[in-house]
Amino acid sequence: GFAYVWRPGQYVSNDVPAVLSIALPHEVASQRWKEVVHPSPRTWMHHLEVASVDDLDAEVVGWLREAADAAG
């Protein structure tokens, strides 16, 4: 998998309806990320809070394409 959508309210108290987690082979610097973690040598997980469909813009689509390509 290269991208995951999950409800943070299942795990912590949070008003955000969804989080999009994108696995990339490198860290992407952006103020948009809620958190970026490095769980393994070749994977950086980038977590984006999604409050509305407007949050899923061309920049996010580009990250998703890159993640899909890297996943092979």
N, C-alpha and C. Protein backbone atom coordinates (compact mmCIF):
# COMPACT_ATOMS: atom_id res chain seq x y z
N GLY A 1 0.81 -1.18 0.00
CA GLY A 1 0.00 0.00 0.00
C GLY A 1 0.86 1.26 0.00
N PHE A 2 0.32 2.28 -0.57
CA PHE A 2 1.06 3.55 -0.63
C PHE A 2 0.28 4.71 -0.03
N ALA A 3 -1.02 4.51 0.23
CA ALA A 3 -1.84 5.57 0.83
C ALA A 3 -2.97 4.93 1.64
N TYR A 4 -3.29 5.56 2.74
CA TYR A 4 -4.30 5.04 3.65
C TYR A 4 -5.16 6.21 4.15
N VAL A 5 -6.45 5.98 4.25
CA VAL A 5 -7.36 6.97 4.84
C VAL A 5 -7.90 6.35 6.12
N TRP A 6 -7.84 7.10 7.19
CA TRP A 6 -8.33 6.59 8.47
C TRP A 6 -8.97 7.71 9.28
N ARG A 7 -9.81 7.29 10.22
CA ARG A 7 -10.52 8.25 11.09
C ARG A 7 -9.75 8.39 12.40
N PRO A 8 -9.19 9.56 12.66
CA PRO A 8 -8.40 9.71 13.88
C PRO A 8 -9.24 9.59 15.15
N GLY A 9 -10.53 9.87 15.07
CA GLY A 9 -11.39 9.76 16.25
C GLY A 9 -11.47 8.35 16.80
N GLN A 10 -11.08 7.36 16.01
CA GLN A 10 -11.05 5.98 16.49
C GLN A 10 -9.93 5.77 17.50
N TYR A 11 -8.89 6.61 17.43
CA TYR A 11 -7.68 6.39 18.22
C TYR A 11 -7.40 7.50 19.24
N VAL A 12 -7.75 8.73 18.90
CA VAL A 12 -7.52 9.87 19.79
C VAL A 12 -8.70 10.83 19.66
N SER A 13 -8.86 11.67 20.64
CA SER A 13 -9.91 12.68 20.59
C SER A 13 -9.53 13.73 19.54
N ASN A 14 -10.33 13.83 18.47
CA ASN A 14 -9.98 14.71 17.37
C ASN A 14 -11.24 15.03 16.57
N ASP A 15 -11.38 16.27 16.14
CA ASP A 15 -12.54 16.68 15.37
C ASP A 15 -12.33 16.55 13.86
N VAL A 16 -11.15 16.17 13.44
CA VAL A 16 -10.84 16.00 12.02
C VAL A 16 -11.53 14.73 11.53
N PRO A 17 -12.29 14.81 10.43
CA PRO A 17 -13.02 13.62 9.98
C PRO A 17 -12.13 12.52 9.39
N ALA A 18 -10.98 12.88 8.80
CA ALA A 18 -10.13 11.86 8.18
C ALA A 18 -8.69 12.32 8.12
N VAL A 19 -7.80 11.34 8.09
CA VAL A 19 -6.38 11.59 7.85
C VAL A 19 -5.98 10.75 6.65
N LEU A 20 -5.26 11.38 5.72
CA LEU A 20 -4.70 10.68 4.58
C LEU A 20 -3.22 10.48 4.87
N SER A 21 -2.78 9.23 4.91
CA SER A 21 -1.39 8.90 5.15
C SER A 21 -0.78 8.41 3.85
N ILE A 22 0.31 9.04 3.44
CA ILE A 22 0.95 8.74 2.16
C ILE A 22 2.37 8.27 2.42
N ALA A 23 2.72 7.11 1.87
CA ALA A 23 4.06 6.54 2.01
C ALA A 23 4.92 6.97 0.82
N LEU A 24 6.01 7.67 1.10
CA LEU A 24 6.92 8.12 0.06
C LEU A 24 8.34 7.66 0.39
N PRO A 25 9.21 7.54 -0.62
CA PRO A 25 10.57 7.08 -0.36
C PRO A 25 11.51 8.17 0.17
N HIS A 26 10.98 9.36 0.39
CA HIS A 26 11.78 10.48 0.92
C HIS A 26 10.84 11.42 1.67
N GLU A 27 11.41 12.27 2.46
CA GLU A 27 10.61 13.26 3.19
C GLU A 27 10.25 14.41 2.26
N VAL A 28 8.99 14.82 2.31
CA VAL A 28 8.52 15.97 1.55
C VAL A 28 8.24 17.10 2.54
N ALA A 29 8.93 18.20 2.39
CA ALA A 29 8.72 19.33 3.28
C ALA A 29 7.48 20.11 2.85
N SER A 30 6.54 20.25 3.77
CA SER A 30 5.33 21.03 3.51
C SER A 30 4.68 21.37 4.85
N GLN A 31 4.17 22.57 4.93
CA GLN A 31 3.43 22.98 6.13
C GLN A 31 2.10 22.25 6.25
N ARG A 32 1.69 21.59 5.19
CA ARG A 32 0.39 20.91 5.18
C ARG A 32 0.37 19.64 6.01
N TRP A 33 1.50 19.01 6.20
CA TRP A 33 1.54 17.76 6.94
C TRP A 33 1.27 17.99 8.42
N LYS A 34 0.44 17.15 8.98
CA LYS A 34 0.22 17.15 10.43
C LYS A 34 1.43 16.52 11.12
N GLU A 35 1.96 15.47 10.48
CA GLU A 35 3.11 14.77 11.04
C GLU A 35 3.81 14.01 9.91
N VAL A 36 5.11 13.90 10.02
CA VAL A 36 5.91 13.07 9.10
C VAL A 36 6.77 12.17 9.97
N VAL A 37 6.72 10.86 9.70
CA VAL A 37 7.52 9.91 10.46
C VAL A 37 8.32 9.03 9.51
N HIS A 38 9.38 8.45 10.02
CA HIS A 38 10.31 7.65 9.22
C HIS A 38 10.37 6.24 9.82
N PRO A 39 9.35 5.40 9.55
CA PRO A 39 9.25 4.10 10.23
C PRO A 39 10.22 3.03 9.73
N SER A 40 10.76 3.22 8.53
CA SER A 40 11.70 2.23 8.00
C SER A 40 12.70 2.93 7.07
N PRO A 41 13.81 2.29 6.76
CA PRO A 41 14.85 2.97 5.97
C PRO A 41 14.39 3.54 4.63
N ARG A 42 13.40 2.92 4.00
CA ARG A 42 12.97 3.39 2.68
C ARG A 42 11.57 4.00 2.66
N THR A 43 11.02 4.28 3.82
CA THR A 43 9.65 4.80 3.86
C THR A 43 9.53 5.99 4.81
N TRP A 44 8.93 7.04 4.28
CA TRP A 44 8.54 8.20 5.08
C TRP A 44 7.01 8.26 5.00
N MET A 45 6.35 8.26 6.15
CA MET A 45 4.89 8.39 6.19
C MET A 45 4.52 9.84 6.47
N HIS A 46 3.71 10.38 5.59
CA HIS A 46 3.27 11.77 5.66
C HIS A 46 1.77 11.77 5.97
N HIS A 47 1.37 12.45 7.04
CA HIS A 47 -0.02 12.44 7.48
C HIS A 47 -0.66 13.81 7.25
N LEU A 48 -1.74 13.82 6.49
CA LEU A 48 -2.46 15.04 6.13
C LEU A 48 -3.87 14.98 6.70
N GLU A 49 -4.23 15.96 7.51
CA GLU A 49 -5.61 16.04 7.99
C GLU A 49 -6.50 16.51 6.86
N VAL A 50 -7.63 15.81 6.68
CA VAL A 50 -8.56 16.13 5.60
C VAL A 50 -9.89 16.54 6.23
N ALA A 51 -10.19 17.83 6.13
CA ALA A 51 -11.44 18.35 6.68
C ALA A 51 -12.54 18.42 5.62
N SER A 52 -12.14 18.55 4.35
CA SER A 52 -13.12 18.59 3.26
C SER A 52 -12.46 18.11 1.98
N VAL A 53 -13.26 17.85 0.98
CA VAL A 53 -12.74 17.39 -0.31
C VAL A 53 -11.83 18.44 -0.93
N ASP A 54 -12.00 19.70 -0.56
CA ASP A 54 -11.13 20.77 -1.08
C ASP A 54 -9.67 20.60 -0.65
N ASP A 55 -9.43 19.83 0.41
CA ASP A 55 -8.07 19.57 0.86
C ASP A 55 -7.31 18.64 -0.09
N LEU A 56 -8.05 17.96 -0.97
CA LEU A 56 -7.45 17.00 -1.90
C LEU A 56 -7.25 17.68 -3.25
N ASP A 57 -6.27 18.56 -3.31
CA ASP A 57 -6.01 19.36 -4.50
C ASP A 57 -4.92 18.74 -5.37
N ALA A 58 -4.48 19.47 -6.37
CA ALA A 58 -3.47 18.96 -7.31
C ALA A 58 -2.16 18.59 -6.62
N GLU A 59 -1.78 19.32 -5.59
CA GLU A 59 -0.55 18.99 -4.87
C GLU A 59 -0.65 17.61 -4.23
N VAL A 60 -1.78 17.32 -3.60
CA VAL A 60 -2.00 16.03 -2.96
C VAL A 60 -2.05 14.92 -4.01
N VAL A 61 -2.71 15.18 -5.12
CA VAL A 61 -2.76 14.19 -6.21
C VAL A 61 -1.34 13.88 -6.70
N GLY A 62 -0.49 14.88 -6.80
CA GLY A 62 0.89 14.66 -7.19
C GLY A 62 1.63 13.77 -6.21
N TRP A 63 1.42 14.01 -4.91
CA TRP A 63 2.05 13.16 -3.90
C TRP A 63 1.55 11.73 -4.01
N LEU A 64 0.24 11.56 -4.25
CA LEU A 64 -0.33 10.22 -4.40
C LEU A 64 0.25 9.51 -5.62
N ARG A 65 0.39 10.23 -6.72
CA ARG A 65 0.99 9.63 -7.93
C ARG A 65 2.43 9.19 -7.66
N GLU A 66 3.18 10.06 -7.00
CA GLU A 66 4.56 9.71 -6.68
C GLU A 66 4.61 8.47 -5.78
N ALA A 67 3.73 8.41 -4.80
CA ALA A 67 3.70 7.26 -3.90
C ALA A 67 3.32 5.98 -4.64
N ALA A 68 2.36 6.07 -5.54
CA ALA A 68 1.95 4.90 -6.31
C ALA A 68 3.09 4.43 -7.21
N ASP A 69 3.77 5.35 -7.85
CA ASP A 69 4.91 4.99 -8.70
C ASP A 69 6.03 4.32 -7.89
N ALA A 70 6.30 4.86 -6.71
CA ALA A 70 7.37 4.32 -5.86
C ALA A 70 7.00 2.93 -5.34
N ALA A 71 5.70 2.68 -5.16
CA ALA A 71 5.26 1.38 -4.65
C ALA A 71 5.39 0.29 -5.71
N GLY A 72 5.49 0.73 -6.97
CA GLY A 72 5.78 -0.19 -8.05
C GLY A 72 4.68 -0.91 -8.64
